[in-house]
Amino acid sequence: MQKNTEHTLNVTMTMILKIGSARSLIAAALAEIAAYRYEAAREKLSQAETELLTAQRLQMRRLIENAKAQRFVHSTLFMNAQSALVNVMGELQMTENLIGAFERWEPEAA
């Protein structure tokens, strides 16, 4: 049981790092959008998506491992990481939508 708990903690901490990295990249993308640098924003969002996909794969692998073992290692930290993953995935989607909105709205050069 101890090994299983440590494994869950290691997976969870890696997820948290990936999610945090994605959130930082999304914040940087928003700054690029504000400066009308849409391609730079898209690149950052692509990197953020890669980080989130890695976190999501870790999550799924851990859930499958628990299901195969037929016992769930309860971890509040893991559950919070799952919640953060969903939230940041939403932030990614909203930021991607903002690029299109800003491109259509961009003021013409004077």
PDB file of N, CA and C in Angstrom:
ATOM      1  N   MET A   1       0.827  -1.203   0.000  1.00  0.00           N
ATOM      2  CA  MET A   1       0.000   0.000   0.000  1.00  0.00           C
ATOM      3  C   MET A   1       0.865   1.258   0.000  1.00  0.00           C
ATOM      4  N   GLN A   2       1.965   1.246   0.732  1.00  0.00           N
ATOM      5  CA  GLN A   2       2.858   2.412   0.800  1.00  0.00           C
ATOM      6  C   GLN A   2       3.409   2.754  -0.583  1.00  0.00           C
ATOM      7  N   LYS A   3       3.824   1.718  -1.338  1.00  0.00           N
ATOM      8  CA  LYS A   3       4.361   1.946  -2.677  1.00  0.00           C
ATOM      9  C   LYS A   3       3.304   2.575  -3.582  1.00  0.00           C
ATOM     10  N   ASN A   4       2.068   2.103  -3.482  1.00  0.00           N
ATOM     11  CA  ASN A   4       0.964   2.625  -4.271  1.00  0.00           C
ATOM     12  C   ASN A   4       0.709   4.091  -3.938  1.00  0.00           C
ATOM     13  N   THR A   5       0.753   4.426  -2.645  1.00  0.00           N
ATOM     14  CA  THR A   5       0.543   5.808  -2.207  1.00  0.00           C
ATOM     15  C   THR A   5       1.662   6.717  -2.705  1.00  0.00           C
ATOM     16  N   GLU A   6       2.894   6.252  -2.623  1.00  0.00           N
ATOM     17  CA  GLU A   6       4.028   7.044  -3.121  1.00  0.00           C
ATOM     18  C   GLU A   6       3.926   7.250  -4.623  1.00  0.00           C
ATOM     19  N   HIS A   7       3.505   6.214  -5.336  1.00  0.00           N
ATOM     20  CA  HIS A   7       3.342   6.327  -6.789  1.00  0.00           C
ATOM     21  C   HIS A   7       2.275   7.376  -7.116  1.00  0.00           C
ATOM     22  N   THR A   8       1.166   7.336  -6.401  1.00  0.00           N
ATOM     23  CA  THR A   8       0.108   8.326  -6.613  1.00  0.00           C
ATOM     24  C   THR A   8       0.638   9.728  -6.354  1.00  0.00           C
ATOM     25  N   LEU A   9       1.414   9.902  -5.307  1.00  0.00           N
ATOM     26  CA  LEU A   9       1.990  11.210  -5.002  1.00  0.00           C
ATOM     27  C   LEU A   9       2.928  11.670  -6.112  1.00  0.00           C
ATOM     28  N   ASN A  10       3.769  10.783  -6.618  1.00  0.00           N
ATOM     29  CA  ASN A  10       4.695  11.149  -7.701  1.00  0.00           C
ATOM     30  C   ASN A  10       3.944  11.539  -8.970  1.00  0.00           C
ATOM     31  N   VAL A  11       2.929  10.764  -9.310  1.00  0.00           N
ATOM     32  CA  VAL A  11       2.119  11.078 -10.491  1.00  0.00           C
ATOM     33  C   VAL A  11       1.422  12.420 -10.305  1.00  0.00           C
ATOM     34  N   THR A  12       0.860  12.618  -9.130  1.00  0.00           N
ATOM     35  CA  THR A  12       0.129  13.851  -8.844  1.00  0.00           C
ATOM     36  C   THR A  12       1.039  15.071  -8.925  1.00  0.00           C
ATOM     37  N   MET A  13       2.225  14.979  -8.358  1.00  0.00           N
ATOM     38  CA  MET A  13       3.141  16.122  -8.392  1.00  0.00           C
ATOM     39  C   MET A  13       3.579  16.434  -9.823  1.00  0.00           C
ATOM     40  N   THR A  14       3.779  15.406 -10.623  1.00  0.00           N
ATOM     41  CA  THR A  14       4.117  15.634 -12.031  1.00  0.00           C
ATOM     42  C   THR A  14       2.958  16.301 -12.754  1.00  0.00           C
ATOM     43  N   MET A  15       1.744  15.842 -12.472  1.00  0.00           N
ATOM     44  CA  MET A  15       0.561  16.486 -13.058  1.00  0.00           C
ATOM     45  C   MET A  15       0.514  17.965 -12.681  1.00  0.00           C
ATOM     46  N   ILE A  16       0.735  18.262 -11.416  1.00  0.00           N
ATOM     47  CA  ILE A  16       0.676  19.649 -10.933  1.00  0.00           C
ATOM     48  C   ILE A  16       1.712  20.511 -11.645  1.00  0.00           C
ATOM     49  N   LEU A  17       2.909  19.978 -11.835  1.00  0.00           N
ATOM     50  CA  LEU A  17       3.950  20.731 -12.545  1.00  0.00           C
ATOM     51  C   LEU A  17       3.543  20.994 -13.994  1.00  0.00           C
ATOM     52  N   LYS A  18       2.999  19.995 -14.661  1.00  0.00           N
ATOM     53  CA  LYS A  18       2.565  20.157 -16.055  1.00  0.00           C
ATOM     54  C   LYS A  18       1.417  21.159 -16.159  1.00  0.00           C
ATOM     55  N   ILE A  19       0.479  21.073 -15.236  1.00  0.00           N
ATOM     56  CA  ILE A  19      -0.666  21.990 -15.234  1.00  0.00           C
ATOM     57  C   ILE A  19      -0.195  23.417 -14.969  1.00  0.00           C
ATOM     58  N   GLY A  20       0.718  23.582 -14.028  1.00  0.00           N
ATOM     59  CA  GLY A  20       1.262  24.914 -13.733  1.00  0.00           C
ATOM     60  C   GLY A  20       2.009  25.498 -14.915  1.00  0.00           C
ATOM     61  N   SER A  21       2.771  24.659 -15.593  1.00  0.00           N
ATOM     62  CA  SER A  21       3.485  25.103 -16.789  1.00  0.00           C
ATOM     63  C   SER A  21       2.501  25.550 -17.867  1.00  0.00           C
ATOM     64  N   ALA A  22       1.436  24.776 -18.042  1.00  0.00           N
ATOM     65  CA  ALA A  22       0.410  25.140 -19.034  1.00  0.00           C
ATOM     66  C   ALA A  22      -0.242  26.464 -18.673  1.00  0.00           C
ATOM     67  N   ARG A  23      -0.550  26.645 -17.409  1.00  0.00           N
ATOM     68  CA  ARG A  23      -1.197  27.895 -16.980  1.00  0.00           C
ATOM     69  C   ARG A  23      -0.272  29.088 -17.238  1.00  0.00           C
ATOM     70  N   SER A  24       1.020  28.932 -17.010  1.00  0.00           N
ATOM     71  CA  SER A  24       1.983  30.012 -17.283  1.00  0.00           C
ATOM     72  C   SER A  24       2.045  30.317 -18.783  1.00  0.00           C
ATOM     73  N   LEU A  25       2.022  29.267 -19.590  1.00  0.00           N
ATOM     74  CA  LEU A  25       2.044  29.470 -21.042  1.00  0.00           C
ATOM     75  C   LEU A  25       0.770  30.165 -21.521  1.00  0.00           C
ATOM     76  N   ILE A  26      -0.353  29.837 -20.929  1.00  0.00           N
ATOM     77  CA  ILE A  26      -1.613  30.499 -21.292  1.00  0.00           C
ATOM     78  C   ILE A  26      -1.565  31.972 -20.920  1.00  0.00           C
ATOM     79  N   ALA A  27      -1.012  32.277 -19.759  1.00  0.00           N
ATOM     80  CA  ALA A  27      -0.861  33.682 -19.348  1.00  0.00           C
ATOM     81  C   ALA A  27       0.041  34.422 -20.326  1.00  0.00           C
ATOM     82  N   ALA A  28       1.113  33.776 -20.758  1.00  0.00           N
ATOM     83  CA  ALA A  28       2.010  34.398 -21.742  1.00  0.00           C
ATOM     84  C   ALA A  28       1.294  34.587 -23.077  1.00  0.00           C
ATOM     85  N   ALA A  29       0.455  33.633 -23.451  1.00  0.00           N
ATOM     86  CA  ALA A  29      -0.311  33.752 -24.694  1.00  0.00           C
ATOM     87  C   ALA A  29      -1.277  34.933 -24.623  1.00  0.00           C
ATOM     88  N   LEU A  30      -1.889  35.129 -23.470  1.00  0.00           N
ATOM     89  CA  LEU A  30      -2.792  36.276 -23.309  1.00  0.00           C
ATOM     90  C   LEU A  30      -2.039  37.593 -23.485  1.00  0.00           C
ATOM     91  N   ALA A  31      -0.809  37.649 -22.984  1.00  0.00           N
ATOM     92  CA  ALA A  31       0.011  38.859 -23.171  1.00  0.00           C
ATOM     93  C   ALA A  31       0.324  39.063 -24.652  1.00  0.00           C
ATOM     94  N   GLU A  32       0.561  37.969 -25.364  1.00  0.00           N
ATOM     95  CA  GLU A  32       0.826  38.071 -26.807  1.00  0.00           C
ATOM     96  C   GLU A  32      -0.417  38.554 -27.548  1.00  0.00           C
ATOM     97  N   ILE A  33      -1.568  38.061 -27.149  1.00  0.00           N
ATOM     98  CA  ILE A  33      -2.826  38.502 -27.779  1.00  0.00           C
ATOM     99  C   ILE A  33      -3.022  39.999 -27.551  1.00  0.00           C
ATOM    100  N   ALA A  34      -2.761  40.452 -26.347  1.00  0.00           N
ATOM    101  CA  ALA A  34      -2.914  41.881 -26.035  1.00  0.00           C
ATOM    102  C   ALA A  34      -1.981  42.745 -26.878  1.00  0.00           C
ATOM    103  N   ALA A  35      -0.855  42.159 -27.301  1.00  0.00           N
ATOM    104  CA  ALA A  35       0.107  42.891 -28.141  1.00  0.00           C
ATOM    105  C   ALA A  35      -0.118  42.611 -29.633  1.00  0.00           C
ATOM    106  N   TYR A  36      -1.231  41.942 -29.970  1.00  0.00           N
ATOM    107  CA  TYR A  36      -1.587  41.630 -31.355  1.00  0.00           C
ATOM    108  C   TYR A  36      -0.592  40.685 -32.025  1.00  0.00           C
ATOM    109  N   ARG A  37       0.076  39.855 -31.249  1.00  0.00           N
ATOM    110  CA  ARG A  37       1.017  38.860 -31.800  1.00  0.00           C
ATOM    111  C   ARG A  37       0.340  37.487 -31.729  1.00  0.00           C
ATOM    112  N   TYR A  38      -0.536  37.245 -32.683  1.00  0.00           N
ATOM    113  CA  TYR A  38      -1.396  36.065 -32.631  1.00  0.00           C
ATOM    114  C   TYR A  38      -0.646  34.761 -32.892  1.00  0.00           C
ATOM    115  N   GLU A  39       0.312  34.778 -33.792  1.00  0.00           N
ATOM    116  CA  GLU A  39       1.058  33.538 -34.062  1.00  0.00           C
ATOM    117  C   GLU A  39       1.898  33.140 -32.841  1.00  0.00           C
ATOM    118  N   ALA A  40       2.484  34.113 -32.173  1.00  0.00           N
ATOM    119  CA  ALA A  40       3.242  33.817 -30.945  1.00  0.00           C
ATOM    120  C   ALA A  40       2.307  33.260 -29.870  1.00  0.00           C
ATOM    121  N   ALA A  41       1.096  33.798 -29.807  1.00  0.00           N
ATOM    122  CA  ALA A  41       0.095  33.303 -28.850  1.00  0.00           C
ATOM    123  C   ALA A  41      -0.280  31.862 -29.184  1.00  0.00           C
ATOM    124  N   ARG A  42      -0.490  31.586 -30.471  1.00  0.00           N
ATOM    125  CA  ARG A  42      -0.848  30.219 -30.880  1.00  0.00           C
ATOM    126  C   ARG A  42       0.265  29.224 -30.525  1.00  0.00           C
ATOM    127  N   GLU A  43       1.504  29.636 -30.691  1.00  0.00           N
ATOM    128  CA  GLU A  43       2.634  28.761 -30.354  1.00  0.00           C
ATOM    129  C   GLU A  43       2.638  28.439 -28.856  1.00  0.00           C
ATOM    130  N   LYS A  44       2.412  29.449 -28.051  1.00  0.00           N
ATOM    131  CA  LYS A  44       2.365  29.225 -26.599  1.00  0.00           C
ATOM    132  C   LYS A  44       1.194  28.326 -26.218  1.00  0.00           C
ATOM    133  N   LEU A  45       0.067  28.523 -26.872  1.00  0.00           N
ATOM    134  CA  LEU A  45      -1.091  27.680 -26.589  1.00  0.00           C
ATOM    135  C   LEU A  45      -0.849  26.236 -27.028  1.00  0.00           C
ATOM    136  N   SER A  46      -0.126  26.060 -28.109  1.00  0.00           N
ATOM    137  CA  SER A  46       0.226  24.709 -28.551  1.00  0.00           C
ATOM    138  C   SER A  46       1.109  24.019 -27.508  1.00  0.00           C
ATOM    139  N   GLN A  47       2.060  24.766 -26.968  1.00  0.00           N
ATOM    140  CA  GLN A  47       2.915  24.217 -25.913  1.00  0.00           C
ATOM    141  C   GLN A  47       2.097  23.904 -24.668  1.00  0.00           C
ATOM    142  N   ALA A  48       1.168  24.788 -24.336  1.00  0.00           N
ATOM    143  CA  ALA A  48       0.303  24.565 -23.169  1.00  0.00           C
ATOM    144  C   ALA A  48      -0.539  23.312 -23.369  1.00  0.00           C
ATOM    145  N   GLU A  49      -1.049  23.133 -24.563  1.00  0.00           N
ATOM    146  CA  GLU A  49      -1.861  21.952 -24.851  1.00  0.00           C
ATOM    147  C   GLU A  49      -1.045  20.669 -24.677  1.00  0.00           C
ATOM    148  N   THR A  50       0.210  20.694 -25.099  1.00  0.00           N
ATOM    149  CA  THR A  50       1.090  19.538 -24.922  1.00  0.00           C
ATOM    150  C   THR A  50       1.265  19.215 -23.440  1.00  0.00           C
ATOM    151  N   GLU A  51       1.469  20.245 -22.634  1.00  0.00           N
ATOM    152  CA  GLU A  51       1.620  20.046 -21.185  1.00  0.00           C
ATOM    153  C   GLU A  51       0.340  19.447 -20.591  1.00  0.00           C
ATOM    154  N   LEU A  52      -0.810  19.962 -21.012  1.00  0.00           N
ATOM    155  CA  LEU A  52      -2.080  19.470 -20.490  1.00  0.00           C
ATOM    156  C   LEU A  52      -2.359  18.036 -20.930  1.00  0.00           C
ATOM    157  N   LEU A  53      -1.997  17.708 -22.158  1.00  0.00           N
ATOM    158  CA  LEU A  53      -2.194  16.339 -22.625  1.00  0.00           C
ATOM    159  C   LEU A  53      -1.328  15.363 -21.830  1.00  0.00           C
ATOM    160  N   THR A  54      -0.123  15.779 -21.487  1.00  0.00           N
ATOM    161  CA  THR A  54       0.742  14.939 -20.657  1.00  0.00           C
ATOM    162  C   THR A  54       0.103  14.729 -19.289  1.00  0.00           C
ATOM    163  N   ALA A  55      -0.405  15.802 -18.687  1.00  0.00           N
ATOM    164  CA  ALA A  55      -1.058  15.693 -17.382  1.00  0.00           C
ATOM    165  C   ALA A  55      -2.294  14.793 -17.476  1.00  0.00           C
ATOM    166  N   GLN A  56      -3.032  14.921 -18.554  1.00  0.00           N
ATOM    167  CA  GLN A  56      -4.233  14.106 -18.727  1.00  0.00           C
ATOM    168  C   GLN A  56      -3.869  12.628 -18.893  1.00  0.00           C
ATOM    169  N   ARG A  57      -2.814  12.347 -19.621  1.00  0.00           N
ATOM    170  CA  ARG A  57      -2.369  10.951 -19.778  1.00  0.00           C
ATOM    171  C   ARG A  57      -1.934  10.363 -18.435  1.00  0.00           C
ATOM    172  N   LEU A  58      -1.228  11.154 -17.646  1.00  0.00           N
ATOM    173  CA  LEU A  58      -0.829  10.696 -16.306  1.00  0.00           C
ATOM    174  C   LEU A  58      -2.062  10.391 -15.457  1.00  0.00           C
ATOM    175  N   GLN A  59      -3.036  11.258 -15.518  1.00  0.00           N
ATOM    176  CA  GLN A  59      -4.271  11.068 -14.764  1.00  0.00           C
ATOM    177  C   GLN A  59      -4.954   9.764 -15.183  1.00  0.00           C
ATOM    178  N   MET A  60      -5.112   9.568 -16.468  1.00  0.00           N
ATOM    179  CA  MET A  60      -5.804   8.383 -16.954  1.00  0.00           C
ATOM    180  C   MET A  60      -5.041   7.112 -16.599  1.00  0.00           C
ATOM    181  N   ARG A  61      -3.722   7.160 -16.744  1.00  0.00           N
ATOM    182  CA  ARG A  61      -2.923   5.989 -16.398  1.00  0.00           C
ATOM    183  C   ARG A  61      -3.105   5.612 -14.932  1.00  0.00           C
ATOM    184  N   ARG A  62      -3.126   6.644 -14.063  1.00  0.00           N
ATOM    185  CA  ARG A  62      -3.280   6.381 -12.628  1.00  0.00           C
ATOM    186  C   ARG A  62      -4.659   5.823 -12.324  1.00  0.00           C
ATOM    187  N   LEU A  63      -5.678   6.349 -12.964  1.00  0.00           N
ATOM    188  CA  LEU A  63      -7.028   5.836 -12.753  1.00  0.00           C
ATOM    189  C   LEU A  63      -7.154   4.392 -13.231  1.00  0.00           C
ATOM    190  N   ILE A  64      -6.559   4.079 -14.358  1.00  0.00           N
ATOM    191  CA  ILE A  64      -6.584   2.705 -14.877  1.00  0.00           C
ATOM    192  C   ILE A  64      -5.830   1.768 -13.946  1.00  0.00           C
ATOM    193  N   GLU A  65      -4.687   2.210 -13.447  1.00  0.00           N
ATOM    194  CA  GLU A  65      -3.922   1.390 -12.492  1.00  0.00           C
ATOM    195  C   GLU A  65      -4.759   1.085 -11.253  1.00  0.00           C
ATOM    196  N   ASN A  66      -5.461   2.083 -10.748  1.00  0.00           N
ATOM    197  CA  ASN A  66      -6.319   1.867  -9.583  1.00  0.00           C
ATOM    198  C   ASN A  66      -7.448   0.889  -9.899  1.00  0.00           C
ATOM    199  N   ALA A  67      -8.027   1.019 -11.079  1.00  0.00           N
ATOM    200  CA  ALA A  67      -9.123   0.128 -11.459  1.00  0.00           C
ATOM    201  C   ALA A  67      -8.628  -1.313 -11.594  1.00  0.00           C
ATOM    202  N   LYS A  68      -7.456  -1.492 -12.169  1.00  0.00           N
ATOM    203  CA  LYS A  68      -6.903  -2.844 -12.320  1.00  0.00           C
ATOM    204  C   LYS A  68      -6.580  -3.468 -10.969  1.00  0.00           C
ATOM    205  N   ALA A  69      -6.142  -2.656 -10.038  1.00  0.00           N
ATOM    206  CA  ALA A  69      -5.817  -3.153  -8.699  1.00  0.00           C
ATOM    207  C   ALA A  69      -7.079  -3.400  -7.878  1.00  0.00           C
ATOM    208  N   GLN A  70      -8.199  -2.947  -8.377  1.00  0.00           N
ATOM    209  CA  GLN A  70      -9.502  -3.054  -7.721  1.00  0.00           C
ATOM    210  C   GLN A  70      -9.507  -2.422  -6.329  1.00  0.00           C
ATOM    211  N   ARG A  71      -8.663  -1.411  -6.160  1.00  0.00           N
ATOM    212  CA  ARG A  71      -8.723  -0.614  -4.935  1.00  0.00           C
ATOM    213  C   ARG A  71      -8.223   0.782  -5.296  1.00  0.00           C
ATOM    214  N   PHE A  72      -8.894   1.731  -4.764  1.00  0.00           N
ATOM    215  CA  PHE A  72      -8.579   3.119  -5.069  1.00  0.00           C
ATOM    216  C   PHE A  72      -7.779   3.720  -3.926  1.00  0.00           C
ATOM    217  N   VAL A  73      -6.648   4.304  -4.273  1.00  0.00           N
ATOM    218  CA  VAL A  73      -5.858   5.019  -3.283  1.00  0.00           C
ATOM    219  C   VAL A  73      -6.397   6.437  -3.236  1.00  0.00           C
ATOM    220  N   HIS A  74      -7.095   6.767  -2.158  1.00  0.00           N
ATOM    221  CA  HIS A  74      -7.674   8.101  -2.048  1.00  0.00           C
ATOM    222  C   HIS A  74      -6.566   9.125  -1.846  1.00  0.00           C
ATOM    223  N   SER A  75      -6.623  10.174  -2.627  1.00  0.00           N
ATOM    224  CA  SER A  75      -5.662  11.259  -2.508  1.00  0.00           C
ATOM    225  C   SER A  75      -6.380  12.569  -2.800  1.00  0.00           C
ATOM    226  N   THR A  76      -6.505  13.385  -1.782  1.00  0.00           N
ATOM    227  CA  THR A  76      -7.125  14.699  -1.963  1.00  0.00           C
ATOM    228  C   THR A  76      -6.291  15.536  -2.928  1.00  0.00           C
ATOM    229  N   LEU A  77      -4.981  15.396  -2.847  1.00  0.00           N
ATOM    230  CA  LEU A  77      -4.097  16.129  -3.749  1.00  0.00           C
ATOM    231  C   LEU A  77      -4.356  15.728  -5.202  1.00  0.00           C
ATOM    232  N   PHE A  78      -4.518  14.430  -5.456  1.00  0.00           N
ATOM    233  CA  PHE A  78      -4.810  13.949  -6.807  1.00  0.00           C
ATOM    234  C   PHE A  78      -6.145  14.502  -7.299  1.00  0.00           C
ATOM    235  N   MET A  79      -7.143  14.490  -6.428  1.00  0.00           N
ATOM    236  CA  MET A  79      -8.453  15.019  -6.814  1.00  0.00           C
ATOM    237  C   MET A  79      -8.368  16.512  -7.122  1.00  0.00           C
ATOM    238  N   ASN A  80      -7.604  17.251  -6.355  1.00  0.00           N
ATOM    239  CA  ASN A  80      -7.427  18.678  -6.625  1.00  0.00           C
ATOM    240  C   ASN A  80      -6.669  18.894  -7.933  1.00  0.00           C
ATOM    241  N   ALA A  81      -5.701  18.031  -8.216  1.00  0.00           N
ATOM    242  CA  ALA A  81      -4.968  18.134  -9.484  1.00  0.00           C
ATOM    243  C   ALA A  81      -5.910  17.876 -10.655  1.00  0.00           C
ATOM    244  N   GLN A  82      -6.817  16.913 -10.497  1.00  0.00           N
ATOM    245  CA  GLN A  82      -7.801  16.652 -11.543  1.00  0.00           C
ATOM    246  C   GLN A  82      -8.687  17.877 -11.773  1.00  0.00           C
ATOM    247  N   SER A  83      -9.096  18.507 -10.713  1.00  0.00           N
ATOM    248  CA  SER A  83      -9.924  19.709 -10.812  1.00  0.00           C
ATOM    249  C   SER A  83      -9.163  20.830 -11.513  1.00  0.00           C
ATOM    250  N   ALA A  84      -7.905  21.014 -11.134  1.00  0.00           N
ATOM    251  CA  ALA A  84      -7.081  22.049 -11.769  1.00  0.00           C
ATOM    252  C   ALA A  84      -6.898  21.751 -13.251  1.00  0.00           C
ATOM    253  N   LEU A  85      -6.737  20.485 -13.585  1.00  0.00           N
ATOM    254  CA  LEU A  85      -6.579  20.098 -14.985  1.00  0.00           C
ATOM    255  C   LEU A  85      -7.798  20.528 -15.802  1.00  0.00           C
ATOM    256  N   VAL A  86      -8.961  20.256 -15.302  1.00  0.00           N
ATOM    257  CA  VAL A  86     -10.194  20.642 -15.998  1.00  0.00           C
ATOM    258  C   VAL A  86     -10.282  22.163 -16.125  1.00  0.00           C
ATOM    259  N   ASN A  87      -9.962  22.876 -15.054  1.00  0.00           N
ATOM    260  CA  ASN A  87     -10.028  24.342 -15.090  1.00  0.00           C
ATOM    261  C   ASN A  87      -9.066  24.924 -16.116  1.00  0.00           C
ATOM    262  N   VAL A  88      -7.841  24.439 -16.137  1.00  0.00           N
ATOM    263  CA  VAL A  88      -6.844  24.992 -17.056  1.00  0.00           C
ATOM    264  C   VAL A  88      -7.167  24.597 -18.498  1.00  0.00           C
ATOM    265  N   MET A  89      -7.762  23.429 -18.695  1.00  0.00           N
ATOM    266  CA  MET A  89      -8.200  23.071 -20.046  1.00  0.00           C
ATOM    267  C   MET A  89      -9.266  24.062 -20.532  1.00  0.00           C
ATOM    268  N   GLY A  90     -10.126  24.497 -19.626  1.00  0.00           N
ATOM    269  CA  GLY A  90     -11.115  25.520 -19.962  1.00  0.00           C
ATOM    270  C   GLY A  90     -10.456  26.847 -20.289  1.00  0.00           C
ATOM    271  N   GLU A  91      -9.433  27.204 -19.517  1.00  0.00           N
ATOM    272  CA  GLU A  91      -8.693  28.447 -19.792  1.00  0.00           C
ATOM    273  C   GLU A  91      -8.050  28.389 -21.172  1.00  0.00           C
ATOM    274  N   LEU A  92      -7.519  27.231 -21.529  1.00  0.00           N
ATOM    275  CA  LEU A  92      -6.910  27.059 -22.851  1.00  0.00           C
ATOM    276  C   LEU A  92      -7.950  27.289 -23.946  1.00  0.00           C
ATOM    277  N   GLN A  93      -9.112  26.673 -23.804  1.00  0.00           N
ATOM    278  CA  GLN A  93     -10.167  26.829 -24.803  1.00  0.00           C
ATOM    279  C   GLN A  93     -10.620  28.286 -24.925  1.00  0.00           C
ATOM    280  N   MET A  94     -10.808  28.942 -23.800  1.00  0.00           N
ATOM    281  CA  MET A  94     -11.236  30.350 -23.837  1.00  0.00           C
ATOM    282  C   MET A  94     -10.179  31.224 -24.499  1.00  0.00           C
ATOM    283  N   THR A  95      -8.921  30.969 -24.211  1.00  0.00           N
ATOM    284  CA  THR A  95      -7.847  31.773 -24.800  1.00  0.00           C
ATOM    285  C   THR A  95      -7.756  31.533 -26.293  1.00  0.00           C
ATOM    286  N   GLU A  96      -7.933  30.284 -26.720  1.00  0.00           N
ATOM    287  CA  GLU A  96      -7.949  30.002 -28.168  1.00  0.00           C
ATOM    288  C   GLU A  96      -9.086  30.763 -28.846  1.00  0.00           C
ATOM    289  N   ASN A  97     -10.232  30.822 -28.202  1.00  0.00           N
ATOM    290  CA  ASN A  97     -11.368  31.557 -28.766  1.00  0.00           C
ATOM    291  C   ASN A  97     -11.105  33.057 -28.803  1.00  0.00           C
ATOM    292  N   LEU A  98     -10.365  33.551 -27.838  1.00  0.00           N
ATOM    293  CA  LEU A  98     -10.043  34.984 -27.813  1.00  0.00           C
ATOM    294  C   LEU A  98      -9.207  35.413 -29.016  1.00  0.00           C
ATOM    295  N   ILE A  99      -8.323  34.538 -29.467  1.00  0.00           N
ATOM    296  CA  ILE A  99      -7.484  34.892 -30.620  1.00  0.00           C
ATOM    297  C   ILE A  99      -8.365  35.241 -31.813  1.00  0.00           C
ATOM    298  N   GLY A 100      -9.334  34.381 -32.106  1.00  0.00           N
ATOM    299  CA  GLY A 100     -10.237  34.651 -33.229  1.00  0.00           C
ATOM    300  C   GLY A 100     -11.020  35.932 -33.041  1.00  0.00           C
ATOM    301  N   ALA A 101     -11.481  36.150 -31.827  1.00  0.00           N
ATOM    302  CA  ALA A 101     -12.246  37.365 -31.548  1.00  0.00           C
ATOM    303  C   ALA A 101     -11.381  38.604 -31.730  1.00  0.00           C
ATOM    304  N   PHE A 102     -10.161  38.561 -31.218  1.00  0.00           N
ATOM    305  CA  PHE A 102      -9.274  39.713 -31.343  1.00  0.00           C
ATOM    306  C   PHE A 102      -8.849  39.941 -32.783  1.00  0.00           C
ATOM    307  N   GLU A 103      -8.638  38.868 -33.526  1.00  0.00           N
ATOM    308  CA  GLU A 103      -8.257  39.034 -34.936  1.00  0.00           C
ATOM    309  C   GLU A 103      -9.361  39.747 -35.716  1.00  0.00           C
ATOM    310  N   ARG A 104     -10.608  39.420 -35.425  1.00  0.00           N
ATOM    311  CA  ARG A 104     -11.726  40.071 -36.121  1.00  0.00           C
ATOM    312  C   ARG A 104     -11.922  41.504 -35.638  1.00  0.00           C
ATOM    313  N   TRP A 105     -11.569  41.765 -34.408  1.00  0.00           N
ATOM    314  CA  TRP A 105     -11.800  43.072 -33.782  1.00  0.00           C
ATOM    315  C   TRP A 105     -10.641  44.046 -33.979  1.00  0.00           C
ATOM    316  N   GLU A 106      -9.462  43.536 -34.281  1.00  0.00           N
ATOM    317  CA  GLU A 106      -8.249  44.357 -34.309  1.00  0.00           C
ATOM    318  C   GLU A 106      -8.471  45.671 -35.050  1.00  0.00           C
ATOM    319  N   PRO A 107      -8.118  46.751 -34.366  1.00  0.00           N
ATOM    320  CA  PRO A 107      -8.306  48.054 -35.014  1.00  0.00           C
ATOM    321  C   PRO A 107      -7.371  48.224 -36.216  1.00  0.00           C
ATOM    322  N   GLU A 108      -7.863  48.952 -37.169  1.00  0.00           N
ATOM    323  CA  GLU A 108      -7.042  49.206 -38.360  1.00  0.00           C
ATOM    324  C   GLU A 108      -5.942  50.205 -38.008  1.00  0.00           C
ATOM    325  N   ALA A 109      -4.813  50.066 -38.681  1.00  0.00           N
ATOM    326  CA  ALA A 109      -3.698  50.983 -38.434  1.00  0.00           C
ATOM    327  C   ALA A 109      -4.087  52.379 -38.903  1.00  0.00           C
ATOM    328  N   ALA A 110      -3.749  53.344 -38.075  1.00  0.00           N
ATOM    329  CA  ALA A 110      -4.124  54.742 -38.377  1.00  0.00           C
ATOM    330  C   ALA A 110      -3.193  55.348 -39.385  1.00  0.00           C
TER     331      ALA A 110
END
